[in-house]
Amino acid sequence: MTRPPPSGPGVPAEATLSGAFRIDREGAWRHEEVEVTHPGVLRNLYANLRVDSTGHYLQAGPFRVPVQVDDAPFVVVRAQTDDPRAIDIHLSDGSREALDPATLSLDERGIPHCRVKGEQFLARFSVAAWLQLAGKVETDPGSGALVLVLGDRRVPLQRVN
């Protein structure tokens, strides 16, 4: 393996390794373009995934391995809308959490994203999850903007580039 320059404050060069990890647009992990499918390995990858101002990486002890992320490192695979005032989301790592509606946005292509894991990471909604959420999205009659309706709350969906 080649050793790139240090990556991050306090990380010695000998503790930084290059890697060929990528999370594709659909949320699949790939190593050297081969999809990683083993559940235990995937749990380990997600558990060691970090992000900072330099990008996404795997932290394994003193080693820091870059991860290319094509869209978002997590995918919302399911949106549970049983409660009219809240939404639970199921993520591609098998975890479940409450959606923070203030973080819900639409990208330039109209694809919904939100922040997850304490707002540390971005997550893209799968088509299925977006369709599950669609019943709570309306067009605001005054502005024409899309809003998420949660009980008596109306949360505008932000547009981001």
N, C-alpha and C. Protein backbone atom coordinates (compact mmCIF):
# COMPACT_ATOMS: atom_id res chain seq x y z
N MET A 1 0.84 -1.18 0.00
CA MET A 1 0.00 0.00 0.00
C MET A 1 0.88 1.24 0.00
N THR A 2 0.43 2.27 -0.68
CA THR A 2 1.17 3.52 -0.66
C THR A 2 0.73 4.34 0.53
N ARG A 3 1.60 5.19 0.98
CA ARG A 3 1.30 6.02 2.14
C ARG A 3 1.14 7.47 1.68
N PRO A 4 -0.10 7.98 1.76
CA PRO A 4 -0.34 9.37 1.38
C PRO A 4 0.14 10.29 2.49
N PRO A 5 0.15 11.59 2.23
CA PRO A 5 0.53 12.53 3.28
C PRO A 5 -0.43 12.45 4.45
N PRO A 6 -0.03 12.93 5.62
CA PRO A 6 -0.92 12.88 6.79
C PRO A 6 -2.27 13.49 6.46
N SER A 7 -3.27 12.97 7.11
CA SER A 7 -4.63 13.42 6.85
C SER A 7 -5.31 13.72 8.17
N GLY A 8 -5.28 14.94 8.57
CA GLY A 8 -5.96 15.33 9.80
C GLY A 8 -4.97 15.72 10.88
N PRO A 9 -5.42 16.53 11.82
CA PRO A 9 -4.53 17.00 12.87
C PRO A 9 -4.05 15.87 13.76
N GLY A 10 -2.77 15.84 14.01
CA GLY A 10 -2.20 14.87 14.93
C GLY A 10 -2.10 13.46 14.40
N VAL A 11 -2.33 13.23 13.11
CA VAL A 11 -2.26 11.88 12.55
C VAL A 11 -0.90 11.73 11.87
N PRO A 12 -0.01 10.90 12.43
CA PRO A 12 1.29 10.73 11.79
C PRO A 12 1.14 10.02 10.45
N ALA A 13 2.07 10.31 9.54
CA ALA A 13 2.00 9.74 8.19
C ALA A 13 1.98 8.22 8.23
N GLU A 14 2.73 7.61 9.14
CA GLU A 14 2.78 6.15 9.18
C GLU A 14 1.47 5.53 9.66
N ALA A 15 0.55 6.34 10.19
CA ALA A 15 -0.73 5.82 10.66
C ALA A 15 -1.85 6.10 9.67
N THR A 16 -1.53 6.55 8.48
CA THR A 16 -2.54 6.84 7.47
C THR A 16 -2.31 5.93 6.27
N LEU A 17 -3.30 5.12 5.93
CA LEU A 17 -3.18 4.22 4.79
C LEU A 17 -4.19 4.60 3.73
N SER A 18 -3.83 4.36 2.49
CA SER A 18 -4.81 4.59 1.43
C SER A 18 -5.68 3.35 1.30
N GLY A 19 -6.85 3.52 0.76
CA GLY A 19 -7.74 2.39 0.57
C GLY A 19 -8.60 2.63 -0.65
N ALA A 20 -9.25 1.61 -1.09
CA ALA A 20 -10.12 1.72 -2.25
C ALA A 20 -11.54 1.42 -1.81
N PHE A 21 -12.02 2.15 -0.80
CA PHE A 21 -13.39 1.98 -0.34
C PHE A 21 -14.26 3.07 -0.94
N ARG A 22 -15.49 2.67 -1.28
CA ARG A 22 -16.44 3.61 -1.85
C ARG A 22 -17.84 3.21 -1.40
N ILE A 23 -18.67 4.20 -1.16
CA ILE A 23 -20.10 3.97 -0.92
C ILE A 23 -20.80 4.54 -2.15
N ASP A 24 -21.46 3.67 -2.92
CA ASP A 24 -22.07 4.13 -4.17
C ASP A 24 -23.37 4.87 -3.90
N ARG A 25 -23.96 5.38 -4.94
CA ARG A 25 -25.17 6.20 -4.84
C ARG A 25 -26.33 5.45 -4.17
N GLU A 26 -26.36 4.14 -4.31
CA GLU A 26 -27.43 3.35 -3.71
C GLU A 26 -27.11 2.93 -2.27
N GLY A 27 -25.95 3.33 -1.76
CA GLY A 27 -25.58 3.02 -0.38
C GLY A 27 -24.80 1.73 -0.23
N ALA A 28 -24.42 1.09 -1.33
CA ALA A 28 -23.65 -0.16 -1.24
C ALA A 28 -22.17 0.17 -1.01
N TRP A 29 -21.58 -0.53 -0.05
CA TRP A 29 -20.15 -0.41 0.19
C TRP A 29 -19.41 -1.21 -0.86
N ARG A 30 -18.31 -0.68 -1.36
CA ARG A 30 -17.49 -1.36 -2.35
C ARG A 30 -16.03 -1.26 -1.93
N HIS A 31 -15.31 -2.36 -2.10
CA HIS A 31 -13.87 -2.36 -1.89
C HIS A 31 -13.24 -2.81 -3.18
N GLU A 32 -12.41 -1.94 -3.76
CA GLU A 32 -11.83 -2.20 -5.08
C GLU A 32 -12.91 -2.58 -6.08
N GLU A 33 -14.03 -1.89 -6.00
CA GLU A 33 -15.20 -2.02 -6.88
C GLU A 33 -15.97 -3.33 -6.73
N VAL A 34 -15.65 -4.13 -5.72
CA VAL A 34 -16.41 -5.34 -5.43
C VAL A 34 -17.34 -5.02 -4.26
N GLU A 35 -18.63 -5.31 -4.42
CA GLU A 35 -19.59 -4.99 -3.36
C GLU A 35 -19.30 -5.82 -2.11
N VAL A 36 -19.30 -5.15 -0.97
CA VAL A 36 -19.14 -5.80 0.32
C VAL A 36 -20.54 -6.19 0.79
N THR A 37 -20.76 -7.50 1.03
CA THR A 37 -22.10 -7.96 1.40
C THR A 37 -22.16 -8.69 2.74
N HIS A 38 -21.03 -9.04 3.31
CA HIS A 38 -21.02 -9.78 4.56
C HIS A 38 -21.56 -8.88 5.68
N PRO A 39 -22.64 -9.31 6.38
CA PRO A 39 -23.25 -8.46 7.41
C PRO A 39 -22.28 -8.01 8.50
N GLY A 40 -21.41 -8.89 8.95
CA GLY A 40 -20.45 -8.52 9.99
C GLY A 40 -19.45 -7.48 9.52
N VAL A 41 -18.98 -7.63 8.29
CA VAL A 41 -18.03 -6.67 7.73
C VAL A 41 -18.73 -5.31 7.55
N LEU A 42 -19.96 -5.33 7.06
CA LEU A 42 -20.70 -4.08 6.89
C LEU A 42 -20.92 -3.37 8.22
N ARG A 43 -21.27 -4.12 9.27
CA ARG A 43 -21.43 -3.50 10.60
C ARG A 43 -20.14 -2.84 11.04
N ASN A 44 -19.02 -3.51 10.80
CA ASN A 44 -17.72 -2.98 11.17
C ASN A 44 -17.40 -1.71 10.37
N LEU A 45 -17.68 -1.72 9.09
CA LEU A 45 -17.42 -0.53 8.27
C LEU A 45 -18.23 0.66 8.76
N TYR A 46 -19.53 0.46 8.97
CA TYR A 46 -20.37 1.56 9.46
C TYR A 46 -19.91 2.03 10.84
N ALA A 47 -19.53 1.10 11.71
CA ALA A 47 -19.11 1.46 13.07
C ALA A 47 -17.84 2.31 13.07
N ASN A 48 -17.01 2.14 12.05
CA ASN A 48 -15.74 2.86 12.00
C ASN A 48 -15.75 4.04 11.03
N LEU A 49 -16.90 4.33 10.44
CA LEU A 49 -17.01 5.44 9.50
C LEU A 49 -16.99 6.76 10.26
N ARG A 50 -16.18 7.68 9.78
CA ARG A 50 -16.06 9.02 10.36
C ARG A 50 -16.10 10.04 9.23
N VAL A 51 -16.33 11.29 9.60
CA VAL A 51 -16.30 12.38 8.63
C VAL A 51 -15.73 13.61 9.32
N ASP A 52 -14.94 14.37 8.58
CA ASP A 52 -14.46 15.65 9.06
C ASP A 52 -14.33 16.58 7.85
N SER A 53 -13.66 17.68 8.02
CA SER A 53 -13.56 18.67 6.93
C SER A 53 -12.83 18.13 5.70
N THR A 54 -12.07 17.06 5.86
CA THR A 54 -11.35 16.48 4.72
C THR A 54 -12.16 15.42 3.99
N GLY A 55 -13.26 14.96 4.59
CA GLY A 55 -14.10 13.96 3.94
C GLY A 55 -14.36 12.76 4.82
N HIS A 56 -14.88 11.70 4.21
CA HIS A 56 -15.22 10.47 4.92
C HIS A 56 -14.01 9.54 4.98
N TYR A 57 -13.93 8.79 6.07
CA TYR A 57 -12.82 7.85 6.22
C TYR A 57 -13.19 6.78 7.24
N LEU A 58 -12.47 5.67 7.19
CA LEU A 58 -12.58 4.62 8.19
C LEU A 58 -11.47 4.82 9.20
N GLN A 59 -11.81 4.80 10.47
CA GLN A 59 -10.81 4.91 11.52
C GLN A 59 -10.67 3.54 12.16
N ALA A 60 -9.50 2.93 11.99
CA ALA A 60 -9.22 1.61 12.56
C ALA A 60 -7.95 1.75 13.38
N GLY A 61 -8.09 1.96 14.68
CA GLY A 61 -6.94 2.22 15.53
C GLY A 61 -6.27 3.48 15.03
N PRO A 62 -4.96 3.43 14.79
CA PRO A 62 -4.27 4.63 14.31
C PRO A 62 -4.40 4.83 12.79
N PHE A 63 -5.03 3.88 12.11
CA PHE A 63 -5.11 3.95 10.65
C PHE A 63 -6.36 4.68 10.20
N ARG A 64 -6.19 5.48 9.18
CA ARG A 64 -7.26 6.29 8.61
C ARG A 64 -7.33 5.96 7.13
N VAL A 65 -8.44 5.34 6.69
CA VAL A 65 -8.58 4.91 5.31
C VAL A 65 -9.67 5.75 4.64
N PRO A 66 -9.34 6.49 3.59
CA PRO A 66 -10.33 7.32 2.92
C PRO A 66 -11.48 6.48 2.34
N VAL A 67 -12.66 7.06 2.35
CA VAL A 67 -13.84 6.43 1.75
C VAL A 67 -14.46 7.44 0.80
N GLN A 68 -14.57 7.07 -0.46
CA GLN A 68 -15.24 7.92 -1.45
C GLN A 68 -16.74 7.70 -1.28
N VAL A 69 -17.49 8.77 -1.18
CA VAL A 69 -18.95 8.68 -1.03
C VAL A 69 -19.58 9.36 -2.25
N ASP A 70 -20.30 8.57 -3.06
CA ASP A 70 -20.88 9.10 -4.29
C ASP A 70 -22.02 10.07 -4.05
N ASP A 71 -22.82 9.85 -3.02
CA ASP A 71 -23.95 10.75 -2.72
C ASP A 71 -24.00 10.98 -1.22
N ALA A 72 -24.44 10.00 -0.47
CA ALA A 72 -24.53 10.09 0.98
C ALA A 72 -24.12 8.74 1.56
N PRO A 73 -23.48 8.73 2.72
CA PRO A 73 -23.01 7.45 3.27
C PRO A 73 -24.13 6.56 3.82
N PHE A 74 -25.28 7.14 4.07
CA PHE A 74 -26.42 6.36 4.56
C PHE A 74 -27.59 6.55 3.63
N VAL A 75 -28.45 5.54 3.57
CA VAL A 75 -29.68 5.61 2.80
C VAL A 75 -30.83 5.35 3.75
N VAL A 76 -31.86 6.19 3.68
CA VAL A 76 -33.09 5.94 4.41
C VAL A 76 -33.85 4.91 3.59
N VAL A 77 -33.99 3.70 4.14
CA VAL A 77 -34.64 2.63 3.39
C VAL A 77 -36.12 2.50 3.72
N ARG A 78 -36.52 3.11 4.83
CA ARG A 78 -37.93 3.04 5.23
C ARG A 78 -38.26 4.25 6.09
N ALA A 79 -39.45 4.81 5.88
CA ALA A 79 -39.94 5.91 6.70
C ALA A 79 -41.28 5.49 7.30
N GLN A 80 -41.29 5.36 8.62
CA GLN A 80 -42.51 4.94 9.32
C GLN A 80 -43.27 6.17 9.75
N THR A 81 -44.52 6.27 9.31
CA THR A 81 -45.32 7.47 9.56
C THR A 81 -46.56 7.15 10.39
N ASP A 82 -46.44 6.23 11.35
CA ASP A 82 -47.59 5.83 12.17
C ASP A 82 -48.09 6.97 13.06
N ASP A 83 -47.19 7.75 13.58
CA ASP A 83 -47.52 8.86 14.46
C ASP A 83 -47.67 10.12 13.59
N PRO A 84 -48.80 10.83 13.68
CA PRO A 84 -48.98 12.01 12.82
C PRO A 84 -48.01 13.15 13.14
N ARG A 85 -47.34 13.10 14.29
CA ARG A 85 -46.44 14.19 14.69
C ARG A 85 -44.96 13.83 14.58
N ALA A 86 -44.64 12.59 14.18
CA ALA A 86 -43.24 12.16 14.13
C ALA A 86 -43.03 11.12 13.04
N ILE A 87 -41.78 10.97 12.64
CA ILE A 87 -41.42 9.99 11.62
C ILE A 87 -40.18 9.24 12.09
N ASP A 88 -40.27 7.92 12.07
CA ASP A 88 -39.10 7.08 12.35
C ASP A 88 -38.52 6.66 11.02
N ILE A 89 -37.19 6.72 10.93
CA ILE A 89 -36.54 6.28 9.71
C ILE A 89 -35.62 5.10 9.99
N HIS A 90 -35.56 4.19 9.04
CA HIS A 90 -34.70 3.02 9.09
C HIS A 90 -33.57 3.26 8.10
N LEU A 91 -32.34 3.07 8.56
CA LEU A 91 -31.17 3.38 7.74
C LEU A 91 -30.50 2.14 7.18
N SER A 92 -29.67 2.34 6.19
CA SER A 92 -28.98 1.25 5.49
C SER A 92 -28.04 0.46 6.39
N ASP A 93 -27.67 0.99 7.54
CA ASP A 93 -26.81 0.24 8.47
C ASP A 93 -27.62 -0.61 9.43
N GLY A 94 -28.96 -0.63 9.26
CA GLY A 94 -29.83 -1.43 10.11
C GLY A 94 -30.34 -0.68 11.32
N SER A 95 -29.90 0.55 11.52
CA SER A 95 -30.34 1.32 12.68
C SER A 95 -31.64 2.05 12.39
N ARG A 96 -32.22 2.57 13.43
CA ARG A 96 -33.50 3.27 13.35
C ARG A 96 -33.40 4.50 14.24
N GLU A 97 -33.93 5.62 13.77
CA GLU A 97 -33.92 6.84 14.57
C GLU A 97 -35.07 7.74 14.15
N ALA A 98 -35.33 8.73 14.97
CA ALA A 98 -36.37 9.71 14.65
C ALA A 98 -35.82 10.69 13.62
N LEU A 99 -36.63 11.01 12.63
CA LEU A 99 -36.25 12.01 11.64
C LEU A 99 -36.31 13.39 12.30
N ASP A 100 -35.25 14.17 12.13
CA ASP A 100 -35.29 15.58 12.53
C ASP A 100 -35.80 16.33 11.32
N PRO A 101 -37.08 16.75 11.33
CA PRO A 101 -37.67 17.36 10.13
C PRO A 101 -36.96 18.63 9.68
N ALA A 102 -36.28 19.32 10.59
CA ALA A 102 -35.57 20.54 10.21
C ALA A 102 -34.39 20.24 9.29
N THR A 103 -33.92 18.98 9.25
CA THR A 103 -32.78 18.62 8.40
C THR A 103 -33.20 18.07 7.05
N LEU A 104 -34.49 17.91 6.82
CA LEU A 104 -34.98 17.36 5.56
C LEU A 104 -34.83 18.41 4.46
N SER A 105 -34.23 18.01 3.34
CA SER A 105 -34.01 18.94 2.23
C SER A 105 -34.12 18.19 0.91
N LEU A 106 -34.23 18.96 -0.16
CA LEU A 106 -34.26 18.41 -1.51
C LEU A 106 -33.04 18.95 -2.25
N ASP A 107 -32.31 18.07 -2.93
CA ASP A 107 -31.15 18.53 -3.68
C ASP A 107 -31.60 19.12 -5.01
N GLU A 108 -30.65 19.53 -5.84
CA GLU A 108 -30.96 20.18 -7.11
C GLU A 108 -31.76 19.29 -8.05
N ARG A 109 -31.72 17.96 -7.84
CA ARG A 109 -32.49 17.02 -8.67
C ARG A 109 -33.84 16.67 -8.04
N GLY A 110 -34.12 17.25 -6.85
CA GLY A 110 -35.36 16.96 -6.16
C GLY A 110 -35.30 15.72 -5.29
N ILE A 111 -34.09 15.19 -5.05
CA ILE A 111 -33.93 13.99 -4.24
C ILE A 111 -33.84 14.39 -2.77
N PRO A 112 -34.67 13.78 -1.92
CA PRO A 112 -34.67 14.16 -0.50
C PRO A 112 -33.48 13.57 0.26
N HIS A 113 -32.96 14.37 1.17
CA HIS A 113 -31.87 13.99 2.07
C HIS A 113 -32.22 14.50 3.47
N CYS A 114 -31.57 13.94 4.46
CA CYS A 114 -31.69 14.44 5.82
C CYS A 114 -30.37 14.18 6.54
N ARG A 115 -30.23 14.75 7.71
CA ARG A 115 -29.06 14.51 8.54
C ARG A 115 -29.40 13.40 9.53
N VAL A 116 -28.43 12.51 9.81
CA VAL A 116 -28.63 11.39 10.73
C VAL A 116 -27.44 11.25 11.66
N LYS A 117 -27.58 10.36 12.64
CA LYS A 117 -26.48 10.06 13.57
C LYS A 117 -26.04 11.33 14.29
N GLY A 118 -27.01 12.00 14.92
CA GLY A 118 -26.69 13.24 15.62
C GLY A 118 -26.31 14.35 14.67
N GLU A 119 -26.87 14.33 13.47
CA GLU A 119 -26.61 15.29 12.39
C GLU A 119 -25.19 15.23 11.86
N GLN A 120 -24.46 14.18 12.19
CA GLN A 120 -23.07 14.05 11.72
C GLN A 120 -22.99 13.66 10.25
N PHE A 121 -23.95 12.85 9.77
CA PHE A 121 -23.89 12.32 8.41
C PHE A 121 -25.12 12.70 7.62
N LEU A 122 -24.96 12.70 6.30
CA LEU A 122 -26.06 12.90 5.38
C LEU A 122 -26.64 11.55 4.99
N ALA A 123 -27.95 11.49 4.80
CA ALA A 123 -28.61 10.28 4.32
C ALA A 123 -29.54 10.65 3.17
N ARG A 124 -29.54 9.82 2.13
CA ARG A 124 -30.42 10.01 0.99
C ARG A 124 -31.62 9.09 1.15
N PHE A 125 -32.79 9.58 0.83
CA PHE A 125 -34.00 8.75 0.88
C PHE A 125 -34.06 7.85 -0.35
N SER A 126 -34.33 6.57 -0.10
CA SER A 126 -34.60 5.67 -1.22
C SER A 126 -35.96 6.06 -1.80
N VAL A 127 -36.24 5.60 -3.00
CA VAL A 127 -37.54 5.89 -3.61
C VAL A 127 -38.66 5.36 -2.71
N ALA A 128 -38.49 4.13 -2.19
CA ALA A 128 -39.53 3.53 -1.34
C ALA A 128 -39.78 4.37 -0.09
N ALA A 129 -38.71 4.83 0.56
CA ALA A 129 -38.87 5.64 1.79
C ALA A 129 -39.51 6.98 1.47
N TRP A 130 -39.13 7.58 0.35
CA TRP A 130 -39.73 8.86 -0.03
C TRP A 130 -41.22 8.69 -0.32
N LEU A 131 -41.59 7.59 -0.96
CA LEU A 131 -43.02 7.34 -1.21
C LEU A 131 -43.78 7.12 0.10
N GLN A 132 -43.13 6.49 1.09
CA GLN A 132 -43.77 6.31 2.39
C GLN A 132 -43.99 7.65 3.09
N LEU A 133 -43.10 8.60 2.84
CA LEU A 133 -43.19 9.92 3.46
C LEU A 133 -44.10 10.87 2.69
N ALA A 134 -44.32 10.59 1.42
CA ALA A 134 -45.04 11.50 0.53
C ALA A 134 -46.43 11.89 1.02
N GLY A 135 -47.08 11.02 1.77
CA GLY A 135 -48.41 11.34 2.29
C GLY A 135 -48.40 12.49 3.29
N LYS A 136 -47.24 12.83 3.80
CA LYS A 136 -47.11 13.93 4.76
C LYS A 136 -46.54 15.20 4.12
N VAL A 137 -46.34 15.17 2.81
CA VAL A 137 -45.79 16.32 2.11
C VAL A 137 -46.89 16.98 1.29
N GLU A 138 -46.99 18.29 1.45
CA GLU A 138 -48.00 19.07 0.72
C GLU A 138 -47.35 20.28 0.07
N THR A 139 -48.07 20.88 -0.85
CA THR A 139 -47.63 22.14 -1.44
C THR A 139 -48.27 23.27 -0.65
N ASP A 140 -47.46 24.21 -0.19
CA ASP A 140 -47.98 25.36 0.53
C ASP A 140 -48.75 26.24 -0.43
N PRO A 141 -50.03 26.54 -0.12
CA PRO A 141 -50.84 27.31 -1.08
C PRO A 141 -50.32 28.73 -1.30
N GLY A 142 -49.69 29.31 -0.29
CA GLY A 142 -49.19 30.68 -0.43
C GLY A 142 -47.92 30.79 -1.25
N SER A 143 -46.95 29.92 -0.95
CA SER A 143 -45.63 30.03 -1.59
C SER A 143 -45.41 29.02 -2.71
N GLY A 144 -46.18 27.96 -2.73
CA GLY A 144 -45.98 26.90 -3.70
C GLY A 144 -44.84 25.96 -3.33
N ALA A 145 -44.21 26.21 -2.17
CA ALA A 145 -43.10 25.36 -1.71
C ALA A 145 -43.65 24.08 -1.09
N LEU A 146 -42.83 23.04 -1.09
CA LEU A 146 -43.20 21.79 -0.43
C LEU A 146 -43.00 21.93 1.07
N VAL A 147 -43.95 21.39 1.83
CA VAL A 147 -43.85 21.39 3.29
C VAL A 147 -44.16 20.00 3.81
N LEU A 148 -43.49 19.65 4.90
CA LEU A 148 -43.75 18.39 5.60
C LEU A 148 -44.75 18.71 6.71
N VAL A 149 -45.87 17.99 6.73
CA VAL A 149 -46.92 18.24 7.72
C VAL A 149 -46.83 17.18 8.81
N LEU A 150 -46.57 17.64 10.03
CA LEU A 150 -46.47 16.76 11.20
C LEU A 150 -47.43 17.28 12.25
N GLY A 151 -48.63 16.71 12.28
CA GLY A 151 -49.66 17.21 13.19
C GLY A 151 -50.01 18.63 12.80
N ASP A 152 -49.82 19.57 13.73
CA ASP A 152 -50.11 20.97 13.42
C ASP A 152 -48.87 21.75 12.96
N ARG A 153 -47.74 21.07 12.84
CA ARG A 153 -46.50 21.70 12.35
C ARG A 153 -46.39 21.58 10.85
N ARG A 154 -45.93 22.63 10.22
CA ARG A 154 -45.66 22.63 8.78
C ARG A 154 -44.20 23.04 8.59
N VAL A 155 -43.38 22.07 8.19
CA VAL A 155 -41.94 22.29 8.07
C VAL A 155 -41.59 22.43 6.59
N PRO A 156 -41.12 23.63 6.17
CA PRO A 156 -40.75 23.79 4.76
C PRO A 156 -39.55 22.91 4.39
N LEU A 157 -39.59 22.30 3.21
CA LEU A 157 -38.47 21.51 2.73
C LEU A 157 -37.49 22.46 2.04
N GLN A 158 -36.28 22.48 2.58
CA GLN A 158 -35.23 23.36 2.05
C GLN A 158 -34.71 22.80 0.73
N ARG A 159 -34.33 23.69 -0.16
CA ARG A 159 -33.66 23.31 -1.42
C ARG A 159 -32.19 23.60 -1.23
N VAL A 160 -31.34 22.59 -1.50
CA VAL A 160 -29.90 22.77 -1.39
C VAL A 160 -29.22 22.39 -2.69
N ASN A 161 -28.09 23.01 -2.93
CA ASN A 161 -27.31 22.70 -4.15
C ASN A 161 -26.15 21.82 -3.80
